[in-house]
């Protein structure tokens, strides 16, 4: 992976961690795996649609949205005892 890509991923993960931290965004802090399920499904369908339309710019954007979902679910899992984080997923 390019260094800049790794740095971008690290920064995005830091944003997610800040949103979920005490004093972070109340909406993000309230989310669970189950409450985020519809958003994960929606983003997955949007990625599939971008693939079907063969739109690389749209696909790039939708993959970014899906990546945010992966980071959110990993952050939620990391907050549990015995959980995992994005490093375990990657």
PDB file of N, CA and C in Angstrom:
ATOM      1  N   UNK A   1       0.860  -1.173   0.000  1.00  0.00           N
ATOM      2  CA  UNK A   1       0.000   0.000   0.000  1.00  0.00           C
ATOM      3  C   UNK A   1       0.901   1.229   0.000  1.00  0.00           C
ATOM      4  N   UNK A   2       0.545   2.200  -0.769  1.00  0.00           N
ATOM      5  CA  UNK A   2       1.307   3.443  -0.789  1.00  0.00           C
ATOM      6  C   UNK A   2       1.260   4.093   0.583  1.00  0.00           C
ATOM      7  N   UNK A   3       2.332   4.796   0.916  1.00  0.00           N
ATOM      8  CA  UNK A   3       2.410   5.491   2.208  1.00  0.00           C
ATOM      9  C   UNK A   3       1.265   6.479   2.381  1.00  0.00           C
ATOM     10  N   UNK A   4       0.939   7.214   1.333  1.00  0.00           N
ATOM     11  CA  UNK A   4      -0.124   8.217   1.453  1.00  0.00           C
ATOM     12  C   UNK A   4      -1.485   7.564   1.661  1.00  0.00           C
ATOM     13  N   UNK A   5      -1.696   6.411   1.069  1.00  0.00           N
ATOM     14  CA  UNK A   5      -2.959   5.698   1.281  1.00  0.00           C
ATOM     15  C   UNK A   5      -3.060   5.218   2.721  1.00  0.00           C
ATOM     16  N   UNK A   6      -1.951   4.698   3.247  1.00  0.00           N
ATOM     17  CA  UNK A   6      -1.940   4.245   4.641  1.00  0.00           C
ATOM     18  C   UNK A   6      -2.189   5.419   5.582  1.00  0.00           C
ATOM     19  N   UNK A   7      -1.601   6.562   5.269  1.00  0.00           N
ATOM     20  CA  UNK A   7      -1.799   7.757   6.102  1.00  0.00           C
ATOM     21  C   UNK A   7      -3.251   8.230   6.027  1.00  0.00           C
ATOM     22  N   UNK A   8      -3.841   8.202   4.853  1.00  0.00           N
ATOM     23  CA  UNK A   8      -5.249   8.600   4.703  1.00  0.00           C
ATOM     24  C   UNK A   8      -6.158   7.690   5.518  1.00  0.00           C
ATOM     25  N   UNK A   9      -5.887   6.403   5.474  1.00  0.00           N
ATOM     26  CA  UNK A   9      -6.679   5.448   6.242  1.00  0.00           C
ATOM     27  C   UNK A   9      -6.511   5.685   7.739  1.00  0.00           C
ATOM     28  N   UNK A  10      -5.294   5.969   8.161  1.00  0.00           N
ATOM     29  CA  UNK A  10      -5.037   6.244   9.577  1.00  0.00           C
ATOM     30  C   UNK A  10      -5.814   7.489  10.027  1.00  0.00           C
ATOM     31  N   UNK A  11      -5.782   8.550   9.203  1.00  0.00           N
ATOM     32  CA  UNK A  11      -6.495   9.783   9.565  1.00  0.00           C
ATOM     33  C   UNK A  11      -8.003   9.558   9.620  1.00  0.00           C
ATOM     34  N   UNK A  12      -8.538   8.814   8.666  1.00  0.00           N
ATOM     35  CA  UNK A  12      -9.974   8.531   8.674  1.00  0.00           C
ATOM     36  C   UNK A  12     -10.358   7.726   9.909  1.00  0.00           C
ATOM     37  N   UNK A  13      -9.525   6.777  10.281  1.00  0.00           N
ATOM     38  CA  UNK A  13      -9.788   5.992  11.484  1.00  0.00           C
ATOM     39  C   UNK A  13      -9.744   6.878  12.729  1.00  0.00           C
ATOM     40  N   UNK A  14      -8.831   7.842  12.764  1.00  0.00           N
ATOM     41  CA  UNK A  14      -8.774   8.773  13.895  1.00  0.00           C
ATOM     42  C   UNK A  14     -10.052   9.598  13.989  1.00  0.00           C
ATOM     43  N   UNK A  15     -10.604   9.997  12.854  1.00  0.00           N
ATOM     44  CA  UNK A  15     -11.865  10.749  12.853  1.00  0.00           C
ATOM     45  C   UNK A  15     -12.974   9.888  13.453  1.00  0.00           C
ATOM     46  N   UNK A  16     -13.059   8.644  13.024  1.00  0.00           N
ATOM     47  CA  UNK A  16     -14.078   7.730  13.553  1.00  0.00           C
ATOM     48  C   UNK A  16     -13.897   7.559  15.058  1.00  0.00           C
ATOM     49  N   UNK A  17     -12.679   7.376  15.504  1.00  0.00           N
ATOM     50  CA  UNK A  17     -12.415   7.215  16.939  1.00  0.00           C
ATOM     51  C   UNK A  17     -12.816   8.465  17.715  1.00  0.00           C
ATOM     52  N   UNK A  18     -12.551   9.660  17.152  1.00  0.00           N
ATOM     53  CA  UNK A  18     -12.951  10.907  17.820  1.00  0.00           C
ATOM     54  C   UNK A  18     -14.464  11.016  17.897  1.00  0.00           C
ATOM     55  N   UNK A  19     -15.147  10.648  16.830  1.00  0.00           N
ATOM     56  CA  UNK A  19     -16.609  10.710  16.824  1.00  0.00           C
ATOM     57  C   UNK A  19     -17.214   9.780  17.868  1.00  0.00           C
ATOM     58  N   UNK A  20     -16.586   8.636  18.106  1.00  0.00           N
ATOM     59  CA  UNK A  20     -17.108   7.643  19.049  1.00  0.00           C
ATOM     60  C   UNK A  20     -16.630   7.875  20.476  1.00  0.00           C
ATOM     61  N   UNK A  21     -15.649   8.734  20.666  1.00  0.00           N
ATOM     62  CA  UNK A  21     -15.054   8.956  21.990  1.00  0.00           C
ATOM     63  C   UNK A  21     -15.998   9.762  22.886  1.00  0.00           C
ATOM     64  N   UNK A  22     -15.797   9.683  24.213  1.00  0.00           N
ATOM     65  CA  UNK A  22     -16.559  10.551  25.114  1.00  0.00           C
ATOM     66  C   UNK A  22     -16.405  12.007  24.669  1.00  0.00           C
ATOM     67  N   UNK A  23     -17.510  12.706  24.600  1.00  0.00           N
ATOM     68  CA  UNK A  23     -17.499  14.080  24.127  1.00  0.00           C
ATOM     69  C   UNK A  23     -17.567  14.182  22.610  1.00  0.00           C
ATOM     70  N   UNK A  24     -17.613  13.037  21.934  1.00  0.00           N
ATOM     71  CA  UNK A  24     -17.711  13.014  20.471  1.00  0.00           C
ATOM     72  C   UNK A  24     -19.143  13.260  20.025  1.00  0.00           C
ATOM     73  N   UNK A  25     -19.436  12.900  18.819  1.00  0.00           N
ATOM     74  CA  UNK A  25     -20.763  13.108  18.239  1.00  0.00           C
ATOM     75  C   UNK A  25     -21.787  12.183  18.906  1.00  0.00           C
ATOM     76  N   UNK A  26     -22.849  12.750  19.489  1.00  0.00           N
ATOM     77  CA  UNK A  26     -23.848  11.913  20.161  1.00  0.00           C
ATOM     78  C   UNK A  26     -24.464  10.855  19.234  1.00  0.00           C
ATOM     79  N   UNK A  27     -24.720  11.218  17.976  1.00  0.00           N
ATOM     80  CA  UNK A  27     -25.307  10.252  17.052  1.00  0.00           C
ATOM     81  C   UNK A  27     -24.344   9.095  16.817  1.00  0.00           C
ATOM     82  N   UNK A  28     -23.082   9.396  16.514  1.00  0.00           N
ATOM     83  CA  UNK A  28     -22.098   8.340  16.266  1.00  0.00           C
ATOM     84  C   UNK A  28     -21.881   7.482  17.503  1.00  0.00           C
ATOM     85  N   UNK A  29     -21.871   8.094  18.667  1.00  0.00           N
ATOM     86  CA  UNK A  29     -21.651   7.355  19.914  1.00  0.00           C
ATOM     87  C   UNK A  29     -22.799   6.395  20.207  1.00  0.00           C
ATOM     88  N   UNK A  30     -23.990   6.740  19.750  1.00  0.00           N
ATOM     89  CA  UNK A  30     -25.167   5.907  20.033  1.00  0.00           C
ATOM     90  C   UNK A  30     -25.286   4.708  19.090  1.00  0.00           C
ATOM     91  N   UNK A  31     -24.499   4.689  18.036  1.00  0.00           N
ATOM     92  CA  UNK A  31     -24.654   3.633  17.031  1.00  0.00           C
ATOM     93  C   UNK A  31     -24.120   2.292  17.515  1.00  0.00           C
ATOM     94  N   UNK A  32     -24.764   1.246  17.035  1.00  0.00           N
ATOM     95  CA  UNK A  32     -24.376  -0.137  17.321  1.00  0.00           C
ATOM     96  C   UNK A  32     -24.249  -0.866  15.981  1.00  0.00           C
ATOM     97  N   UNK A  33     -23.740  -2.097  16.043  1.00  0.00           N
ATOM     98  CA  UNK A  33     -23.699  -2.880  14.807  1.00  0.00           C
ATOM     99  C   UNK A  33     -25.098  -2.966  14.202  1.00  0.00           C
ATOM    100  N   UNK A  34     -26.070  -3.211  15.036  1.00  0.00           N
ATOM    101  CA  UNK A  34     -27.439  -3.395  14.550  1.00  0.00           C
ATOM    102  C   UNK A  34     -28.021  -2.089  13.987  1.00  0.00           C
ATOM    103  N   UNK A  35     -27.779  -0.968  14.662  1.00  0.00           N
ATOM    104  CA  UNK A  35     -28.357   0.291  14.175  1.00  0.00           C
ATOM    105  C   UNK A  35     -27.708   0.754  12.869  1.00  0.00           C
ATOM    106  N   UNK A  36     -26.461   0.344  12.638  1.00  0.00           N
ATOM    107  CA  UNK A  36     -25.765   0.720  11.405  1.00  0.00           C
ATOM    108  C   UNK A  36     -26.044  -0.240  10.252  1.00  0.00           C
ATOM    109  N   UNK A  37     -26.725  -1.327  10.550  1.00  0.00           N
ATOM    110  CA  UNK A  37     -26.980  -2.352   9.535  1.00  0.00           C
ATOM    111  C   UNK A  37     -27.634  -1.792   8.269  1.00  0.00           C
ATOM    112  N   UNK A  38     -28.672  -0.954   8.373  1.00  0.00           N
ATOM    113  CA  UNK A  38     -29.289  -0.425   7.149  1.00  0.00           C
ATOM    114  C   UNK A  38     -28.321   0.420   6.317  1.00  0.00           C
ATOM    115  N   UNK A  39     -27.440   1.160   6.995  1.00  0.00           N
ATOM    116  CA  UNK A  39     -26.480   2.000   6.279  1.00  0.00           C
ATOM    117  C   UNK A  39     -25.439   1.144   5.563  1.00  0.00           C
ATOM    118  N   UNK A  40     -25.017   0.078   6.207  1.00  0.00           N
ATOM    119  CA  UNK A  40     -24.069  -0.849   5.587  1.00  0.00           C
ATOM    120  C   UNK A  40     -24.684  -1.473   4.336  1.00  0.00           C
ATOM    121  N   UNK A  41     -25.922  -1.878   4.452  1.00  0.00           N
ATOM    122  CA  UNK A  41     -26.621  -2.473   3.312  1.00  0.00           C
ATOM    123  C   UNK A  41     -26.793  -1.452   2.183  1.00  0.00           C
ATOM    124  N   UNK A  42     -27.199  -0.243   2.541  1.00  0.00           N
ATOM    125  CA  UNK A  42     -27.390   0.812   1.538  1.00  0.00           C
ATOM    126  C   UNK A  42     -26.083   1.104   0.798  1.00  0.00           C
ATOM    127  N   UNK A  43     -24.995   1.250   1.541  1.00  0.00           N
ATOM    128  CA  UNK A  43     -23.706   1.545   0.906  1.00  0.00           C
ATOM    129  C   UNK A  43     -23.241   0.387   0.030  1.00  0.00           C
ATOM    130  N   UNK A  44     -23.512  -0.826   0.446  1.00  0.00           N
ATOM    131  CA  UNK A  44     -23.151  -1.990  -0.366  1.00  0.00           C
ATOM    132  C   UNK A  44     -23.906  -1.970  -1.692  1.00  0.00           C
ATOM    133  N   UNK A  45     -25.200  -1.683  -1.637  1.00  0.00           N
ATOM    134  CA  UNK A  45     -25.986  -1.604  -2.871  1.00  0.00           C
ATOM    135  C   UNK A  45     -25.503  -0.464  -3.768  1.00  0.00           C
ATOM    136  N   UNK A  46     -25.081   0.642  -3.170  1.00  0.00           N
ATOM    137  CA  UNK A  46     -24.576   1.758  -3.967  1.00  0.00           C
ATOM    138  C   UNK A  46     -23.259   1.399  -4.655  1.00  0.00           C
ATOM    139  N   UNK A  47     -22.412   0.614  -3.995  1.00  0.00           N
ATOM    140  CA  UNK A  47     -21.185   0.127  -4.633  1.00  0.00           C
ATOM    141  C   UNK A  47     -21.548  -0.770  -5.813  1.00  0.00           C
ATOM    142  N   UNK A  48     -22.487  -1.680  -5.605  1.00  0.00           N
ATOM    143  CA  UNK A  48     -22.895  -2.580  -6.686  1.00  0.00           C
ATOM    144  C   UNK A  48     -23.479  -1.806  -7.868  1.00  0.00           C
ATOM    145  N   UNK A  49     -24.256  -0.791  -7.582  1.00  0.00           N
ATOM    146  CA  UNK A  49     -24.829   0.029  -8.648  1.00  0.00           C
ATOM    147  C   UNK A  49     -23.729   0.757  -9.422  1.00  0.00           C
ATOM    148  N   UNK A  50     -22.744   1.283  -8.717  1.00  0.00           N
ATOM    149  CA  UNK A  50     -21.630   1.966  -9.386  1.00  0.00           C
ATOM    150  C   UNK A  50     -20.857   1.001 -10.278  1.00  0.00           C
ATOM    151  N   UNK A  51     -20.707  -0.233  -9.827  1.00  0.00           N
ATOM    152  CA  UNK A  51     -20.043  -1.248 -10.652  1.00  0.00           C
ATOM    153  C   UNK A  51     -20.868  -1.513 -11.911  1.00  0.00           C
ATOM    154  N   UNK A  52     -22.175  -1.654 -11.748  1.00  0.00           N
ATOM    155  CA  UNK A  52     -23.048  -1.912 -12.893  1.00  0.00           C
ATOM    156  C   UNK A  52     -23.018  -0.762 -13.898  1.00  0.00           C
ATOM    157  N   UNK A  53     -22.903   0.460 -13.408  1.00  0.00           N
ATOM    158  CA  UNK A  53     -22.881   1.633 -14.289  1.00  0.00           C
ATOM    159  C   UNK A  53     -21.493   1.892 -14.854  1.00  0.00           C
ATOM    160  N   UNK A  54     -20.504   1.134 -14.385  1.00  0.00           N
ATOM    161  CA  UNK A  54     -19.124   1.270 -14.840  1.00  0.00           C
ATOM    162  C   UNK A  54     -18.608   2.696 -14.662  1.00  0.00           C
ATOM    163  N   UNK A  55     -18.992   3.309 -13.555  1.00  0.00           N
ATOM    164  CA  UNK A  55     -18.549   4.668 -13.279  1.00  0.00           C
ATOM    165  C   UNK A  55     -17.440   4.685 -12.244  1.00  0.00           C
ATOM    166  N   UNK A  56     -16.209   4.829 -12.693  1.00  0.00           N
ATOM    167  CA  UNK A  56     -15.083   4.715 -11.758  1.00  0.00           C
ATOM    168  C   UNK A  56     -15.081   5.820 -10.710  1.00  0.00           C
ATOM    169  N   UNK A  57     -15.494   7.036 -11.069  1.00  0.00           N
ATOM    170  CA  UNK A  57     -15.542   8.121 -10.084  1.00  0.00           C
ATOM    171  C   UNK A  57     -16.601   7.813  -9.029  1.00  0.00           C
ATOM    172  N   UNK A  58     -17.763   7.384  -9.470  1.00  0.00           N
ATOM    173  CA  UNK A  58     -18.826   7.021  -8.536  1.00  0.00           C
ATOM    174  C   UNK A  58     -18.410   5.829  -7.691  1.00  0.00           C
ATOM    175  N   UNK A  59     -17.772   4.851  -8.307  1.00  0.00           N
ATOM    176  CA  UNK A  59     -17.314   3.676  -7.563  1.00  0.00           C
ATOM    177  C   UNK A  59     -16.323   4.078  -6.484  1.00  0.00           C
ATOM    178  N   UNK A  60     -15.406   4.978  -6.811  1.00  0.00           N
ATOM    179  CA  UNK A  60     -14.426   5.450  -5.822  1.00  0.00           C
ATOM    180  C   UNK A  60     -15.131   6.075  -4.623  1.00  0.00           C
ATOM    181  N   UNK A  61     -16.111   6.926  -4.894  1.00  0.00           N
ATOM    182  CA  UNK A  61     -16.850   7.586  -3.815  1.00  0.00           C
ATOM    183  C   UNK A  61     -17.619   6.575  -2.978  1.00  0.00           C
ATOM    184  N   UNK A  62     -18.284   5.653  -3.631  1.00  0.00           N
ATOM    185  CA  UNK A  62     -19.093   4.672  -2.903  1.00  0.00           C
ATOM    186  C   UNK A  62     -18.222   3.711  -2.102  1.00  0.00           C
ATOM    187  N   UNK A  63     -17.059   3.353  -2.632  1.00  0.00           N
ATOM    188  CA  UNK A  63     -16.140   2.514  -1.853  1.00  0.00           C
ATOM    189  C   UNK A  63     -15.657   3.259  -0.612  1.00  0.00           C
ATOM    190  N   UNK A  64     -15.479   4.575  -0.726  1.00  0.00           N
ATOM    191  CA  UNK A  64     -15.118   5.377   0.443  1.00  0.00           C
ATOM    192  C   UNK A  64     -16.212   5.344   1.499  1.00  0.00           C
ATOM    193  N   UNK A  65     -17.463   5.439   1.061  1.00  0.00           N
ATOM    194  CA  UNK A  65     -18.585   5.354   1.999  1.00  0.00           C
ATOM    195  C   UNK A  65     -18.638   3.982   2.665  1.00  0.00           C
ATOM    196  N   UNK A  66     -18.387   2.943   1.887  1.00  0.00           N
ATOM    197  CA  UNK A  66     -18.380   1.585   2.438  1.00  0.00           C
ATOM    198  C   UNK A  66     -17.217   1.406   3.413  1.00  0.00           C
ATOM    199  N   UNK A  67     -16.072   1.995   3.088  1.00  0.00           N
ATOM    200  CA  UNK A  67     -14.916   1.936   3.986  1.00  0.00           C
ATOM    201  C   UNK A  67     -15.242   2.591   5.330  1.00  0.00           C
ATOM    202  N   UNK A  68     -15.968   3.693   5.296  1.00  0.00           N
ATOM    203  CA  UNK A  68     -16.370   4.346   6.544  1.00  0.00           C
ATOM    204  C   UNK A  68     -17.222   3.402   7.388  1.00  0.00           C
ATOM    205  N   UNK A  69     -18.092   2.649   6.757  1.00  0.00           N
ATOM    206  CA  UNK A  69     -18.897   1.667   7.487  1.00  0.00           C
ATOM    207  C   UNK A  69     -18.012   0.605   8.135  1.00  0.00           C
ATOM    208  N   UNK A  70     -17.007   0.125   7.405  1.00  0.00           N
ATOM    209  CA  UNK A  70     -16.085  -0.872   7.957  1.00  0.00           C
ATOM    210  C   UNK A  70     -15.356  -0.289   9.165  1.00  0.00           C
ATOM    211  N   UNK A  71     -14.915   0.952   9.063  1.00  0.00           N
ATOM    212  CA  UNK A  71     -14.220   1.587  10.187  1.00  0.00           C
ATOM    213  C   UNK A  71     -15.143   1.768  11.388  1.00  0.00           C
ATOM    214  N   UNK A  72     -16.395   2.155  11.138  1.00  0.00           N
ATOM    215  CA  UNK A  72     -17.343   2.326  12.246  1.00  0.00           C
ATOM    216  C   UNK A  72     -17.609   0.996  12.945  1.00  0.00           C
ATOM    217  N   UNK A  73     -17.840  -0.048  12.188  1.00  0.00           N
ATOM    218  CA  UNK A  73     -18.103  -1.355  12.796  1.00  0.00           C
ATOM    219  C   UNK A  73     -16.870  -1.861  13.541  1.00  0.00           C
ATOM    220  N   UNK A  74     -15.693  -1.607  13.017  1.00  0.00           N
ATOM    221  CA  UNK A  74     -14.464  -2.013  13.701  1.00  0.00           C
ATOM    222  C   UNK A  74     -14.281  -1.236  14.995  1.00  0.00           C
ATOM    223  N   UNK A  75     -14.605   0.051  14.989  1.00  0.00           N
ATOM    224  CA  UNK A  75     -14.492   0.864  16.202  1.00  0.00           C
ATOM    225  C   UNK A  75     -15.473   0.378  17.266  1.00  0.00           C
ATOM    226  N   UNK A  76     -16.684   0.054  16.864  1.00  0.00           N
ATOM    227  CA  UNK A  76     -17.674  -0.472  17.808  1.00  0.00           C
ATOM    228  C   UNK A  76     -17.176  -1.780  18.405  1.00  0.00           C
ATOM    229  N   UNK A  77     -16.641  -2.647  17.566  1.00  0.00           N
ATOM    230  CA  UNK A  77     -16.124  -3.933  18.048  1.00  0.00           C
ATOM    231  C   UNK A  77     -14.956  -3.733  19.002  1.00  0.00           C
ATOM    232  N   UNK A  78     -14.114  -2.747  18.747  1.00  0.00           N
ATOM    233  CA  UNK A  78     -12.942  -2.498  19.591  1.00  0.00           C
ATOM    234  C   UNK A  78     -13.330  -2.037  20.990  1.00  0.00           C
ATOM    235  N   UNK A  79     -14.519  -1.478  21.134  1.00  0.00           N
ATOM    236  CA  UNK A  79     -14.971  -0.981  22.433  1.00  0.00           C
ATOM    237  C   UNK A  79     -15.433  -2.101  23.356  1.00  0.00           C
ATOM    238  N   UNK A  80     -15.580  -3.291  22.829  1.00  0.00           N
ATOM    239  CA  UNK A  80     -16.023  -4.436  23.632  1.00  0.00           C
ATOM    240  C   UNK A  80     -14.816  -5.200  24.148  1.00  0.00           C
ATOM    241  N   UNK A  81     -14.952  -5.806  25.320  1.00  0.00           N
ATOM    242  CA  UNK A  81     -13.890  -6.673  25.829  1.00  0.00           C
ATOM    243  C   UNK A  81     -13.698  -7.831  24.865  1.00  0.00           C
ATOM    244  N   UNK A  82     -12.460  -8.092  24.518  1.00  0.00           N
ATOM    245  CA  UNK A  82     -12.179  -9.183  23.601  1.00  0.00           C
ATOM    246  C   UNK A  82     -12.553  -8.881  22.166  1.00  0.00           C
ATOM    247  N   UNK A  83     -12.828  -7.613  21.882  1.00  0.00           N
ATOM    248  CA  UNK A  83     -13.227  -7.236  20.535  1.00  0.00           C
ATOM    249  C   UNK A  83     -12.037  -7.167  19.596  1.00  0.00           C
ATOM    250  N   UNK A  84     -12.264  -6.594  18.431  1.00  0.00           N
ATOM    251  CA  UNK A  84     -11.212  -6.447  17.432  1.00  0.00           C
ATOM    252  C   UNK A  84     -11.243  -5.023  16.907  1.00  0.00           C
ATOM    253  N   UNK A  85     -10.162  -4.621  16.257  1.00  0.00           N
ATOM    254  CA  UNK A  85     -10.120  -3.288  15.676  1.00  0.00           C
ATOM    255  C   UNK A  85      -9.777  -3.378  14.194  1.00  0.00           C
ATOM    256  N   UNK A  86      -9.626  -2.243  13.557  1.00  0.00           N
ATOM    257  CA  UNK A  86      -9.384  -2.225  12.119  1.00  0.00           C
ATOM    258  C   UNK A  86      -8.078  -2.931  11.765  1.00  0.00           C
ATOM    259  N   UNK A  87      -7.116  -2.909  12.650  1.00  0.00           N
ATOM    260  CA  UNK A  87      -5.867  -3.627  12.402  1.00  0.00           C
ATOM    261  C   UNK A  87      -6.082  -5.121  12.277  1.00  0.00           C
ATOM    262  N   UNK A  88      -7.008  -5.641  13.056  1.00  0.00           N
ATOM    263  CA  UNK A  88      -7.333  -7.067  12.967  1.00  0.00           C
ATOM    264  C   UNK A  88      -8.085  -7.385  11.678  1.00  0.00           C
ATOM    265  N   UNK A  89      -8.898  -6.449  11.225  1.00  0.00           N
ATOM    266  CA  UNK A  89      -9.670  -6.640  10.006  1.00  0.00           C
ATOM    267  C   UNK A  89      -8.761  -6.560   8.780  1.00  0.00           C
ATOM    268  N   UNK A  90      -7.863  -5.591   8.810  1.00  0.00           N
ATOM    269  CA  UNK A  90      -6.956  -5.381   7.660  1.00  0.00           C
ATOM    270  C   UNK A  90      -5.961  -6.502   7.583  1.00  0.00           C
TER     271      UNK A  90
END
